[in-house]
Protein backbone atom coordinates (compact mmCIF):
# COMPACT_ATOMS: atom_id res chain seq x y z
CA UNK A 1 7.79 15.21 -13.35
CA UNK A 2 6.56 11.78 -11.98
CA UNK A 3 3.16 12.24 -13.58
CA UNK A 4 4.83 12.85 -16.98
CA UNK A 5 6.90 9.73 -16.60
CA UNK A 6 3.96 7.60 -15.44
CA UNK A 7 1.93 9.01 -18.54
CA UNK A 8 4.82 7.87 -20.83
CA UNK A 9 4.73 4.42 -19.29
CA UNK A 10 0.91 4.11 -19.62
CA UNK A 11 1.13 4.97 -23.39
CA UNK A 12 -2.32 6.64 -23.19
CA UNK A 13 -4.03 3.99 -21.12
CA UNK A 14 -6.77 5.80 -19.07
CA UNK A 15 -7.26 4.48 -15.58
CA UNK A 16 -10.46 4.72 -13.59
CA UNK A 17 -11.63 7.70 -15.72
CA UNK A 18 -8.48 9.74 -14.83
CA UNK A 19 -6.34 11.04 -17.57
CA UNK A 20 -2.69 12.02 -17.36
CA UNK A 21 -2.49 15.67 -16.04
CA UNK A 22 -5.81 15.64 -14.04
CA UNK A 23 -5.37 17.19 -10.56
CA UNK A 24 -5.75 14.70 -7.76
CA UNK A 25 -5.13 14.53 -4.27
CA UNK A 26 -4.08 11.44 -2.17
CA UNK A 27 -6.20 10.66 0.76
CA UNK A 28 -5.40 8.25 3.62
CA UNK A 29 -8.55 6.53 5.13
CA UNK A 30 -7.86 4.69 8.28
CA UNK A 31 -10.44 2.23 10.20
CA UNK A 32 -10.37 3.61 13.60
CA UNK A 33 -12.95 1.07 14.80
CA UNK A 34 -12.69 -2.21 16.55
CA UNK A 35 -14.38 -4.05 13.77
CA UNK A 36 -13.93 -4.80 10.11
CA UNK A 37 -15.67 -2.39 7.70
CA UNK A 38 -16.60 -2.02 4.12
CA UNK A 39 -15.66 1.61 2.94
CA UNK A 40 -17.57 3.25 0.22
CA UNK A 41 -15.53 6.16 -1.10
CA UNK A 42 -18.37 7.46 -3.28
CA UNK A 43 -20.96 6.49 -0.83
CA UNK A 44 -23.39 3.49 -0.73
CA UNK A 45 -25.45 4.69 -3.74
CA UNK A 46 -22.41 3.82 -6.01
CA UNK A 47 -21.39 0.57 -4.26
CA UNK A 48 -18.82 -0.22 -7.29
CA UNK A 49 -16.18 1.47 -5.36
CA UNK A 50 -15.60 -0.22 -2.09
CA UNK A 51 -12.61 -1.52 0.00
CA UNK A 52 -12.66 -3.95 2.93
CA UNK A 53 -10.66 -2.72 5.87
CA UNK A 54 -9.69 -4.57 8.94
CA UNK A 55 -9.55 -2.75 12.10
CA UNK A 56 -6.40 -0.42 12.35
CA UNK A 57 -5.67 -0.62 8.89
CA UNK A 58 -5.18 2.13 6.29
CA UNK A 59 -5.67 2.48 2.68
CA UNK A 60 -4.46 5.39 0.19
CA UNK A 61 -6.84 6.58 -2.45
CA UNK A 62 -6.70 9.05 -5.26
CA UNK A 63 -9.50 11.56 -5.25
CA UNK A 64 -10.09 13.81 -8.08
CA UNK A 65 -12.60 16.09 -6.21
CA UNK A 66 -12.88 18.28 -4.30
CA UNK A 67 -9.48 19.58 -5.46
CA UNK A 68 -9.11 23.12 -4.78
CA UNK A 69 -10.57 25.99 -2.47
CA UNK A 70 -12.77 27.26 -5.09
CA UNK A 71 -14.20 23.62 -5.77
CA UNK A 72 -17.65 23.54 -4.04
CA UNK A 73 -18.28 19.76 -4.59
CA UNK A 74 -18.23 17.46 -1.65
CA UNK A 75 -17.33 13.68 -1.66
CA UNK A 76 -19.15 11.21 0.48
CA UNK A 77 -17.64 8.56 2.52
CA UNK A 78 -19.72 5.88 4.02
CA UNK A 79 -18.73 2.67 6.02
CA UNK A 80 -20.67 -0.49 6.78
CA UNK A 81 -19.91 -2.91 9.53
CA UNK A 82 -20.22 -6.77 8.51
CA UNK A 83 -23.84 -6.81 9.35
CA UNK A 84 -24.28 -4.14 6.73
CA UNK A 85 -25.38 -1.51 9.32
CA UNK A 86 -24.01 1.97 8.41
CA UNK A 87 -21.37 3.09 11.04
CA UNK A 88 -19.74 5.93 9.51
CA UNK A 89 -21.22 8.69 6.94
CA UNK A 90 -19.60 12.12 6.30
CA UNK A 91 -19.58 14.49 3.31
CA UNK A 92 -16.05 16.05 2.80
CA UNK A 93 -15.35 19.49 1.15
CA UNK A 94 -12.12 20.76 0.40
CA UNK A 95 -11.71 22.76 3.48
CA UNK A 96 -12.54 19.59 5.61
CA UNK A 97 -9.72 17.69 3.90
CA UNK A 98 -7.19 20.45 4.36
CA UNK A 99 -8.14 20.51 8.09
CA UNK A 100 -7.80 16.77 8.39
CA UNK A 101 -4.47 17.05 6.25
CA UNK A 102 -5.94 14.72 3.83
CA UNK A 103 -6.21 11.83 6.47
CA UNK A 104 -9.76 10.58 7.24
CA UNK A 105 -10.25 8.47 10.45
CA UNK A 106 -13.36 6.37 10.51
CA UNK A 107 -14.72 6.20 13.95
CA UNK A 108 -18.04 6.00 15.53
CA UNK A 109 -19.98 8.94 16.60
CA UNK A 110 -20.31 10.46 13.24
CA UNK A 111 -24.03 11.31 12.45
CA UNK A 112 -25.86 10.12 9.55
CA UNK A 113 -25.55 11.89 6.38
CA UNK A 114 -28.66 13.68 5.10
CA UNK A 115 -30.76 12.02 2.57
CA UNK A 116 -30.39 13.16 -1.00
C-alpha cells in the first residue's frame, strides 16, 4: 500500500534506477569501527555510491539485489579509512543477509575480497 501511494506521489519519477513496484530490501549498515570510514555499497570499483560514516553510526540503504532465495547475485560492500586503506570487504548473498537479519556491522577482521 505504501509503495503504491509513494508511486502516485512521485508521478512516475524514477529514482536511482528503481521503478515503482521493483522488489527491494532495506539494509542497515553500521560502522562498528573506532574510526570514520567511507562505505562503498557497490564496492570501490563503482565509487559513485558511497557514504561517510562516523564511528558508531548507522545508515539504511535500499538494495535491489540479492532479493530472493533463488537470486544468486552477490553485493560487495567495502569500506576505507580516512587514509584510503581498505578496512572491510565482503560479498553478501541472499542467505548471508537473511542470517544477518538485513543488518551489516562493519568491523575489522574481515578478509580481503577475492580479485575480480
